[in-house]
Amino acid sequence: MNKLVTLLAAAMTLAGAAAAQDLAVINGRVITNTDQGQIESGGVLIRDGVIVSVAANIDVPDGSVVIDADGGWITPGIFAPVTQLGLVEVGAESSTSDSAASDSGFSVALDVEDSFNPNSIYLASNRMEGITRFAVMPSTGHNLFGGRGALGETSGSMDALFDTQSFVFADLSQSGASRAGGTRAAAWAFLEAAFGDARAYPGRYSSGHGDALDRYDAAALVDVVRGRVPLILEVDRATDIRRAIRFAAENVPVQLVIFGGAESWMVAEELASAGIPVLMDPMRNLPSSFDALGSTLEAAARLDAAGVTVAYTTQTASGYFNPRLLPQHAGNAVTNGVSWDAAFRAITLTPAEIYGVGDQYGALAPGYLADVVIWDGDPLEVMSAPSHVIIDGEQTDLTSRQTRLRDRYADMDDTTPFAYRD
């Protein structure tokens, strides 16, 4: 019996040692996103899923697992701030979409956590392109509120959502106005009334109804009204953005974030003064609607020059499978006047900061959770690709359904029927 106890204790000690094994990524160009800047040839030491050292010559403890970047680039993982990953599987098939609930009587209270599919095939295909973190955003239903969004990671874990009910999405563009009665005036009146309902919750509902929201939706909006989580507001037209700036000033302490912002560059100084961030696609250059007549490839550079906090999206691509194009979009921003460092920050640390997790993700520094990507070249160059993706200190699989199908059917000399191939 004593021998069995001793063996079990030894096994537990070995298991603990294995779990605590350090991981060192060496011999690469390190992009820290901190005051440390870029390290031409350096590495990152990871312990228990947390970064403990970033330096030109890191001290690698004996027994560490070592990954040689072989002169490649070592960066934080890409953070996609607007996606519908895990909500849509086939865009043309409504039964596979949980992005919007047009027939529901609820709006703000709708929670993407209850719809999110951690087994979506698109998590793997985005992870392969360096996406490690993302925000899941619902679409609007019967009114201008879409519901509550969440933050997730692409490792493939069943617990992929690591921060739920982390923001609320609302559409105050022309499409949102159409849901509120047909005009922007109606949309803003609805939003003001909704905030009034949330501020008066629960007292207003003890003996009656809200002006705009039912009790359940009003309760869900309380965290936004009190400034605990951001309100992501979709608007493109410059005049709508100015109205949004005034709304934020009149509803302190609301945390307002502009999504879309096609004409945000026209009011860049006002946005910077108000401290309101913008989630925008630097590749929007065509007037997709009358709200976006001022779209320009130089918008990101103009916002950056004015001091606006900007994170990039892939709004011009399909959000349920194409967040993986973020590095390409950032590269185009560089082509149109944004510095490399600012463009890369706009797809890593800045979105993490906007969602309140910038002290955990988006940088390579001691104390940050270890989301690390090794690239075979400049990550903003379209021909570069990750060779390793590390999430929470764990190396992840860089295969997907697409790569498995490619490999399965690539060998045309194999006489095994396709249905029986591995």
Protein backbone atom coordinates (compact mmCIF):
# COMPACT_ATOMS: atom_id res chain seq x y z
CA MET A 1 0.00 0.00 0.00
CA ASN A 2 2.85 2.38 0.98
CA LYS A 3 4.63 1.52 -2.27
CA LEU A 4 1.48 2.37 -4.25
CA VAL A 5 1.17 5.71 -2.45
CA THR A 6 4.83 6.47 -3.19
CA LEU A 7 4.39 5.63 -6.87
CA LEU A 8 1.29 7.78 -7.11
CA ALA A 9 3.06 10.70 -5.43
CA ALA A 10 5.98 10.34 -7.83
CA ALA A 11 3.63 10.27 -10.82
CA MET A 12 1.85 13.40 -9.59
CA THR A 13 5.21 15.15 -9.12
CA LEU A 14 6.26 14.23 -12.66
CA ALA A 15 2.91 15.38 -14.04
CA GLY A 16 3.27 18.67 -12.21
CA ALA A 17 6.79 19.12 -13.57
CA ALA A 18 5.57 18.41 -17.09
CA ALA A 19 2.71 20.88 -16.73
CA ALA A 20 5.16 23.53 -15.51
CA GLN A 21 7.62 22.95 -18.36
CA ASP A 22 8.83 26.20 -19.86
CA LEU A 23 8.37 27.04 -23.53
CA ALA A 24 10.96 29.23 -25.24
CA VAL A 25 10.55 30.83 -28.66
CA ILE A 26 13.96 31.98 -29.89
CA ASN A 27 15.85 33.40 -32.84
CA GLY A 28 13.27 35.73 -34.35
CA ARG A 29 12.36 39.36 -34.86
CA VAL A 30 10.20 40.13 -31.84
CA ILE A 31 7.33 42.63 -32.13
CA THR A 32 6.51 43.51 -28.53
CA ASN A 33 3.83 46.27 -28.90
CA THR A 34 5.43 47.88 -25.83
CA ASP A 35 8.00 50.59 -25.14
CA GLN A 36 10.57 47.85 -25.71
CA GLY A 37 9.75 48.15 -29.41
CA GLN A 38 11.06 45.62 -31.90
CA ILE A 39 13.89 43.29 -30.99
CA GLU A 40 15.81 42.41 -34.14
CA SER A 41 16.89 39.01 -32.85
CA GLY A 42 15.36 37.79 -29.64
CA GLY A 43 12.89 35.50 -28.00
CA VAL A 44 10.04 34.93 -25.57
CA LEU A 45 10.00 32.67 -22.52
CA ILE A 46 6.63 31.25 -21.42
CA ARG A 47 5.80 29.55 -18.14
CA ASP A 48 2.39 28.16 -17.16
CA GLY A 49 0.76 29.98 -20.07
CA VAL A 50 2.18 33.38 -19.09
CA ILE A 51 5.05 35.33 -20.63
CA VAL A 52 7.91 35.70 -18.14
CA SER A 53 10.65 37.19 -20.31
CA VAL A 54 11.06 39.02 -23.62
CA ALA A 55 14.62 39.89 -24.56
CA ALA A 56 17.41 39.73 -27.10
CA ASN A 57 19.08 36.96 -25.13
CA ILE A 58 16.55 35.16 -22.98
CA ASP A 59 17.79 32.73 -20.37
CA VAL A 60 16.33 29.36 -21.41
CA PRO A 61 16.02 27.02 -18.39
CA ASP A 62 17.14 23.42 -18.73
CA GLY A 63 14.36 21.14 -19.88
CA SER A 64 12.45 23.85 -21.73
CA VAL A 65 10.65 23.13 -24.95
CA VAL A 66 12.38 25.29 -27.55
CA ILE A 67 10.88 26.57 -30.79
CA ASP A 68 13.38 28.07 -33.20
CA ALA A 69 11.75 30.86 -35.22
CA ASP A 70 14.64 30.52 -37.68
CA GLY A 71 14.83 34.26 -38.33
CA GLY A 72 11.08 34.69 -38.70
CA TRP A 73 8.83 37.17 -36.91
CA ILE A 74 7.58 36.58 -33.34
CA THR A 75 4.43 38.58 -32.59
CA PRO A 76 1.39 38.72 -30.35
CA GLY A 77 -1.66 36.92 -31.72
CA ILE A 78 -4.05 38.82 -33.97
CA PHE A 79 -7.20 40.13 -32.24
CA ALA A 80 -10.22 40.48 -34.58
CA PRO A 81 -12.57 43.09 -33.03
CA VAL A 82 -15.69 42.42 -35.15
CA THR A 83 -16.60 38.90 -36.22
CA GLN A 84 -19.45 36.42 -36.34
CA LEU A 85 -17.22 33.41 -35.83
CA GLY A 86 -19.20 30.57 -34.31
CA LEU A 87 -22.55 32.13 -35.21
CA VAL A 88 -22.76 31.30 -38.92
CA GLU A 89 -21.65 28.14 -40.69
CA VAL A 90 -23.10 28.51 -44.20
CA GLY A 91 -24.11 32.03 -45.12
CA ALA A 92 -26.72 30.98 -47.66
CA GLU A 93 -28.39 28.48 -45.32
CA SER A 94 -30.48 30.18 -42.64
CA SER A 95 -30.66 27.05 -40.46
CA THR A 96 -26.91 27.38 -39.81
CA SER A 97 -27.09 31.05 -38.77
CA ASP A 98 -27.58 32.33 -35.24
CA SER A 99 -26.45 35.89 -35.93
CA ALA A 100 -29.83 37.67 -35.80
CA ALA A 101 -33.24 37.02 -34.25
CA SER A 102 -35.58 39.11 -36.35
CA ASP A 103 -38.70 37.35 -35.11
CA SER A 104 -37.86 37.54 -31.42
CA GLY A 105 -39.52 40.00 -29.10
CA PHE A 106 -36.20 40.41 -27.27
CA SER A 107 -33.20 42.49 -28.35
CA VAL A 108 -30.60 43.74 -25.82
CA ALA A 109 -31.01 40.60 -23.72
CA LEU A 110 -30.05 38.29 -26.59
CA ASP A 111 -26.66 36.80 -25.70
CA VAL A 112 -24.27 35.35 -28.29
CA GLU A 113 -22.96 32.92 -25.66
CA ASP A 114 -26.17 30.95 -26.05
CA SER A 115 -25.70 30.70 -29.83
CA PHE A 116 -21.94 30.33 -30.17
CA ASN A 117 -20.63 27.07 -31.65
CA PRO A 118 -17.07 26.32 -30.44
CA ASN A 119 -16.85 23.53 -33.04
CA SER A 120 -17.28 25.89 -35.98
CA ILE A 121 -14.89 24.93 -38.78
CA TYR A 122 -13.90 28.57 -39.22
CA LEU A 123 -12.11 28.80 -35.89
CA ALA A 124 -9.39 26.50 -37.22
CA SER A 125 -9.03 28.27 -40.56
CA ASN A 126 -8.68 31.62 -38.78
CA ARG A 127 -6.25 30.22 -36.21
CA MET A 128 -4.03 29.03 -39.08
CA GLU A 129 -3.76 32.66 -40.23
CA GLY A 130 -2.66 33.98 -36.84
CA ILE A 131 -6.04 34.96 -35.31
CA THR A 132 -5.93 34.04 -31.62
CA ARG A 133 -8.62 36.31 -30.09
CA PHE A 134 -11.84 37.77 -31.46
CA ALA A 135 -15.06 39.53 -30.55
CA VAL A 136 -18.36 37.87 -31.52
CA MET A 137 -20.96 40.45 -32.52
CA PRO A 138 -24.66 39.76 -33.15
CA SER A 139 -26.70 41.34 -35.93
CA THR A 140 -29.80 43.42 -35.26
CA GLY A 141 -33.26 41.90 -35.22
CA HIS A 142 -36.59 43.69 -34.86
CA ASN A 143 -35.14 46.91 -33.42
CA LEU A 144 -31.79 48.69 -33.48
CA PHE A 145 -30.24 46.52 -30.72
CA GLY A 146 -28.53 43.29 -31.74
CA GLY A 147 -27.78 42.02 -28.26
CA ARG A 148 -24.78 41.23 -26.10
CA GLY A 149 -21.46 40.13 -27.56
CA ALA A 150 -18.54 38.12 -26.21
CA LEU A 151 -14.80 37.64 -26.56
CA GLY A 152 -13.33 34.33 -27.64
CA GLU A 153 -10.17 32.48 -28.60
CA THR A 154 -9.47 30.12 -31.49
CA SER A 155 -7.68 27.21 -29.82
CA GLY A 156 -10.59 24.84 -30.43
CA SER A 157 -11.52 24.56 -26.75
CA MET A 158 -15.15 23.97 -25.87
CA ASP A 159 -14.69 26.94 -23.51
CA ALA A 160 -13.59 29.24 -26.33
CA LEU A 161 -15.53 32.24 -24.99
CA PHE A 162 -13.41 33.74 -22.22
CA ASP A 163 -15.38 36.95 -21.57
CA THR A 164 -19.15 36.93 -22.08
CA GLN A 165 -21.68 39.79 -22.04
CA SER A 166 -18.69 42.03 -22.68
CA PHE A 167 -20.46 44.64 -24.87
CA VAL A 168 -23.81 45.52 -26.46
CA PHE A 169 -24.24 46.16 -30.18
CA ALA A 170 -26.68 48.66 -31.72
CA ASP A 171 -27.15 49.92 -35.29
CA LEU A 172 -27.83 53.66 -35.66
CA SER A 173 -27.09 53.81 -39.39
CA GLN A 174 -29.80 54.01 -42.03
CA SER A 175 -30.53 50.30 -41.64
CA GLY A 176 -31.01 50.80 -37.89
CA ALA A 177 -33.23 53.81 -38.55
CA SER A 178 -35.47 51.66 -40.73
CA ARG A 179 -36.05 49.33 -37.77
CA ALA A 180 -36.88 52.20 -35.44
CA GLY A 181 -39.59 53.72 -37.59
CA GLY A 182 -37.92 54.92 -40.77
CA THR A 183 -35.82 57.96 -39.82
CA ARG A 184 -32.68 58.70 -37.86
CA ALA A 185 -34.75 60.90 -35.56
CA ALA A 186 -36.83 57.85 -34.65
CA ALA A 187 -33.68 55.78 -34.06
CA TRP A 188 -32.12 58.32 -31.71
CA ALA A 189 -35.42 58.79 -29.87
CA PHE A 190 -35.60 55.03 -29.36
CA LEU A 191 -32.01 54.89 -28.08
CA GLU A 192 -32.59 57.78 -25.66
CA ALA A 193 -35.79 56.15 -24.40
CA ALA A 194 -34.02 52.80 -24.01
CA PHE A 195 -31.32 54.44 -21.89
CA GLY A 196 -34.04 56.06 -19.81
CA ASP A 197 -35.63 52.66 -19.24
CA ALA A 198 -32.30 51.15 -18.15
CA ARG A 199 -31.50 54.05 -15.82
CA ALA A 200 -34.92 53.67 -14.17
CA TYR A 201 -34.67 49.87 -13.89
CA PRO A 202 -36.11 48.16 -11.87
CA GLY A 203 -38.34 50.81 -10.32
CA ARG A 204 -40.12 51.78 -13.53
CA TYR A 205 -41.17 48.17 -14.08
CA SER A 206 -42.63 47.57 -10.63
CA SER A 207 -45.93 49.13 -11.68
CA GLY A 208 -45.74 49.54 -15.45
CA HIS A 209 -43.74 49.24 -18.65
CA GLY A 210 -40.74 50.93 -20.18
CA ASP A 211 -40.90 53.58 -22.88
CA ALA A 212 -38.86 51.51 -25.36
CA LEU A 213 -37.77 48.24 -23.75
CA ASP A 214 -39.42 45.46 -21.84
CA ARG A 215 -38.13 44.59 -18.39
CA TYR A 216 -35.75 41.86 -19.55
CA ASP A 217 -34.07 44.03 -22.19
CA ALA A 218 -33.83 47.01 -19.85
CA ALA A 219 -32.03 44.86 -17.28
CA ALA A 220 -29.52 43.80 -19.95
CA LEU A 221 -28.79 47.45 -20.84
CA VAL A 222 -27.98 48.51 -17.27
CA ASP A 223 -24.28 47.61 -17.55
CA VAL A 224 -23.96 49.83 -20.63
CA VAL A 225 -25.74 52.80 -19.06
CA ARG A 226 -23.51 52.56 -15.99
CA GLY A 227 -20.33 52.37 -18.10
CA ARG A 228 -19.39 48.83 -17.16
CA VAL A 229 -19.30 47.51 -20.73
CA PRO A 230 -19.05 49.35 -24.07
CA LEU A 231 -21.86 50.17 -26.47
CA ILE A 232 -20.68 49.33 -29.98
CA LEU A 233 -22.61 51.72 -32.23
CA GLU A 234 -22.68 51.14 -35.98
CA VAL A 235 -22.71 54.47 -37.84
CA ASP A 236 -20.99 55.63 -41.02
CA ARG A 237 -22.20 59.13 -41.88
CA ALA A 238 -20.23 62.04 -40.41
CA THR A 239 -23.37 63.76 -39.10
CA ASP A 240 -24.46 60.54 -37.37
CA ILE A 241 -21.04 60.23 -35.75
CA ARG A 242 -21.27 63.80 -34.46
CA ARG A 243 -24.70 62.95 -33.00
CA ALA A 244 -23.11 59.89 -31.36
CA ILE A 245 -20.39 62.07 -29.82
CA ARG A 246 -23.08 64.32 -28.33
CA PHE A 247 -24.98 61.28 -27.08
CA ALA A 248 -21.86 60.04 -25.26
CA ALA A 249 -21.31 63.45 -23.66
CA GLU A 250 -24.92 63.57 -22.46
CA ASN A 251 -24.88 60.02 -21.11
CA VAL A 252 -21.70 59.84 -19.05
CA PRO A 253 -20.30 57.31 -18.05
CA VAL A 254 -21.28 55.36 -21.20
CA GLN A 255 -18.32 53.82 -23.06
CA LEU A 256 -19.08 54.44 -26.72
CA VAL A 257 -17.25 52.73 -29.58
CA ILE A 258 -17.95 53.58 -33.23
CA PHE A 259 -18.16 50.65 -35.65
CA GLY A 260 -18.08 51.25 -39.40
CA GLY A 261 -17.10 54.90 -39.40
CA ALA A 262 -16.76 55.29 -43.17
CA GLU A 263 -16.84 59.08 -42.79
CA SER A 264 -15.26 59.19 -39.33
CA TRP A 265 -12.17 60.88 -40.75
CA MET A 266 -14.31 63.97 -41.42
CA VAL A 267 -14.84 64.41 -37.66
CA ALA A 268 -11.53 62.93 -36.52
CA GLU A 269 -10.61 65.85 -34.26
CA GLU A 270 -13.94 65.63 -32.45
CA LEU A 271 -13.59 61.87 -31.96
CA ALA A 272 -10.08 62.29 -30.60
CA SER A 273 -11.20 65.03 -28.21
CA ALA A 274 -14.09 62.86 -26.96
CA GLY A 275 -11.83 59.80 -26.59
CA ILE A 276 -14.17 57.63 -28.67
CA PRO A 277 -12.48 54.68 -30.45
CA VAL A 278 -13.34 53.56 -33.99
CA LEU A 279 -13.54 50.02 -35.36
CA MET A 280 -13.09 50.46 -39.11
CA ASP A 281 -12.02 48.61 -42.24
CA PRO A 282 -9.05 50.39 -43.88
CA MET A 283 -9.99 48.81 -47.21
CA ARG A 284 -13.38 50.57 -47.48
CA ASN A 285 -13.03 52.88 -50.47
CA LEU A 286 -16.36 52.56 -52.27
CA PRO A 287 -19.69 54.16 -51.29
CA SER A 288 -21.58 51.00 -50.35
CA SER A 289 -24.51 53.22 -49.30
CA PHE A 290 -25.47 56.89 -49.12
CA ASP A 291 -24.17 56.77 -45.54
CA ALA A 292 -20.68 55.96 -46.81
CA LEU A 293 -20.14 58.40 -49.68
CA GLY A 294 -16.98 59.66 -47.99
CA SER A 295 -15.24 56.27 -47.92
CA THR A 296 -11.52 56.51 -48.66
CA LEU A 297 -8.44 54.32 -48.35
CA GLU A 298 -6.79 57.19 -46.50
CA ALA A 299 -9.35 57.18 -43.66
CA ALA A 300 -7.17 55.11 -41.31
CA ALA A 301 -4.18 57.41 -41.79
CA ARG A 302 -6.28 60.53 -41.22
CA LEU A 303 -7.78 59.11 -38.03
CA ASP A 304 -4.33 58.05 -36.85
CA ALA A 305 -2.90 61.50 -37.52
CA ALA A 306 -5.68 63.09 -35.46
CA GLY A 307 -4.96 60.82 -32.50
CA VAL A 308 -8.11 58.68 -32.71
CA THR A 309 -7.86 55.19 -31.22
CA VAL A 310 -8.42 52.88 -34.19
CA ALA A 311 -8.75 49.10 -34.50
CA TYR A 312 -9.15 47.43 -37.87
CA THR A 313 -11.93 45.13 -39.04
CA THR A 314 -12.65 43.09 -42.15
CA GLN A 315 -16.05 44.67 -42.73
CA THR A 316 -15.68 44.43 -46.52
CA ALA A 317 -15.22 40.65 -46.19
CA SER A 318 -17.54 38.05 -44.67
CA GLY A 319 -17.27 38.31 -40.90
CA TYR A 320 -18.14 34.69 -40.19
CA PHE A 321 -15.11 33.22 -41.95
CA ASN A 322 -12.78 36.00 -43.15
CA PRO A 323 -11.36 37.75 -40.06
CA ARG A 324 -8.19 35.89 -41.15
CA LEU A 325 -7.70 38.68 -43.72
CA LEU A 326 -6.94 41.26 -40.99
CA PRO A 327 -3.16 41.31 -41.59
CA GLN A 328 -3.80 41.96 -45.30
CA HIS A 329 -6.15 44.84 -44.47
CA ALA A 330 -3.56 46.27 -42.08
CA GLY A 331 -0.93 45.99 -44.80
CA ASN A 332 -3.15 48.04 -47.09
CA ALA A 333 -3.41 50.68 -44.36
CA VAL A 334 0.39 50.92 -44.39
CA THR A 335 0.29 51.37 -48.16
CA ASN A 336 -2.08 54.29 -47.65
CA GLY A 337 -0.11 56.21 -45.05
CA VAL A 338 -0.29 54.42 -41.68
CA SER A 339 3.00 53.49 -40.03
CA TRP A 340 3.77 49.77 -39.79
CA ASP A 341 3.79 49.84 -35.99
CA ALA A 342 0.42 51.63 -35.80
CA ALA A 343 -1.19 49.26 -38.32
CA PHE A 344 0.02 46.15 -36.51
CA ARG A 345 -1.09 47.56 -33.16
CA ALA A 346 -4.55 48.16 -34.69
CA ILE A 347 -5.01 44.38 -35.13
CA THR A 348 -3.47 43.27 -31.83
CA LEU A 349 -3.17 45.46 -28.74
CA THR A 350 -5.63 48.25 -29.63
CA PRO A 351 -8.71 46.00 -30.01
CA ALA A 352 -7.78 44.27 -26.76
CA GLU A 353 -7.63 47.67 -25.04
CA ILE A 354 -10.97 48.76 -26.48
CA TYR A 355 -12.61 45.65 -25.01
CA GLY A 356 -10.88 46.12 -21.65
CA VAL A 357 -8.42 43.21 -21.86
CA GLY A 358 -5.36 45.11 -23.07
CA ASP A 359 -3.47 44.16 -19.91
CA GLN A 360 -3.72 40.47 -20.87
CA TYR A 361 -3.59 40.22 -24.66
CA GLY A 362 -2.08 41.99 -27.64
CA ALA A 363 1.51 42.47 -26.45
CA LEU A 364 4.60 40.43 -25.68
CA ALA A 365 5.59 41.46 -22.16
CA PRO A 366 6.04 39.78 -18.77
CA GLY A 367 2.67 39.06 -17.18
CA TYR A 368 0.73 38.87 -20.46
CA LEU A 369 -1.02 35.64 -21.37
CA ALA A 370 1.04 33.83 -23.96
CA ASP A 371 -0.68 34.28 -27.32
CA VAL A 372 2.33 34.14 -29.63
CA VAL A 373 2.53 33.69 -33.40
CA ILE A 374 5.66 32.85 -35.38
CA TRP A 375 5.56 34.03 -38.99
CA ASP A 376 7.84 33.10 -41.88
CA GLY A 377 7.98 36.78 -42.88
CA ASP A 378 6.44 40.19 -42.29
CA PRO A 379 2.90 39.40 -41.01
CA LEU A 380 1.44 42.31 -42.99
CA GLU A 381 2.80 40.91 -46.26
CA VAL A 382 0.11 38.88 -48.02
CA MET A 383 2.49 35.98 -48.81
CA SER A 384 3.61 35.49 -45.18
CA ALA A 385 2.06 32.76 -43.04
CA PRO A 386 2.32 31.48 -39.47
CA SER A 387 4.52 28.47 -38.79
CA HIS A 388 3.42 28.21 -35.14
CA VAL A 389 0.43 29.59 -33.23
CA ILE A 390 0.58 29.49 -29.44
CA ILE A 391 -2.56 30.26 -27.41
CA ASP A 392 -2.43 30.51 -23.61
CA GLY A 393 1.06 29.02 -23.79
CA GLU A 394 -0.03 25.92 -25.71
CA GLN A 395 1.00 25.08 -29.28
CA THR A 396 -2.08 24.66 -31.46
CA ASP A 397 -2.89 22.54 -34.47
CA LEU A 398 -2.45 24.30 -37.82
CA THR A 399 -4.77 22.10 -39.83
CA SER A 400 -8.40 22.64 -40.76
CA ARG A 401 -11.18 20.90 -42.59
CA GLN A 402 -9.97 22.61 -45.76
CA THR A 403 -6.40 21.34 -45.42
CA ARG A 404 -7.60 17.84 -44.59
CA LEU A 405 -9.81 17.80 -47.69
CA ARG A 406 -6.89 19.08 -49.76
CA ASP A 407 -4.63 16.32 -48.49
CA ARG A 408 -7.30 13.66 -48.89
CA TYR A 409 -7.88 14.33 -52.57
CA ALA A 410 -4.40 15.51 -53.59
CA ASP A 411 -3.04 12.06 -54.46
CA MET A 412 -4.74 11.18 -57.73
CA ASP A 413 -2.64 8.01 -58.06
CA ASP A 414 -4.18 6.51 -54.92
CA THR A 415 -6.69 3.87 -56.03
CA THR A 416 -8.43 3.75 -52.63
CA PRO A 417 -12.03 5.00 -53.03
CA PHE A 418 -12.25 8.56 -51.74
CA ALA A 419 -14.83 7.60 -49.11
CA TYR A 420 -12.31 5.24 -47.46
CA ARG A 421 -9.29 7.53 -47.36
CA ASP A 422 -8.05 8.95 -44.10
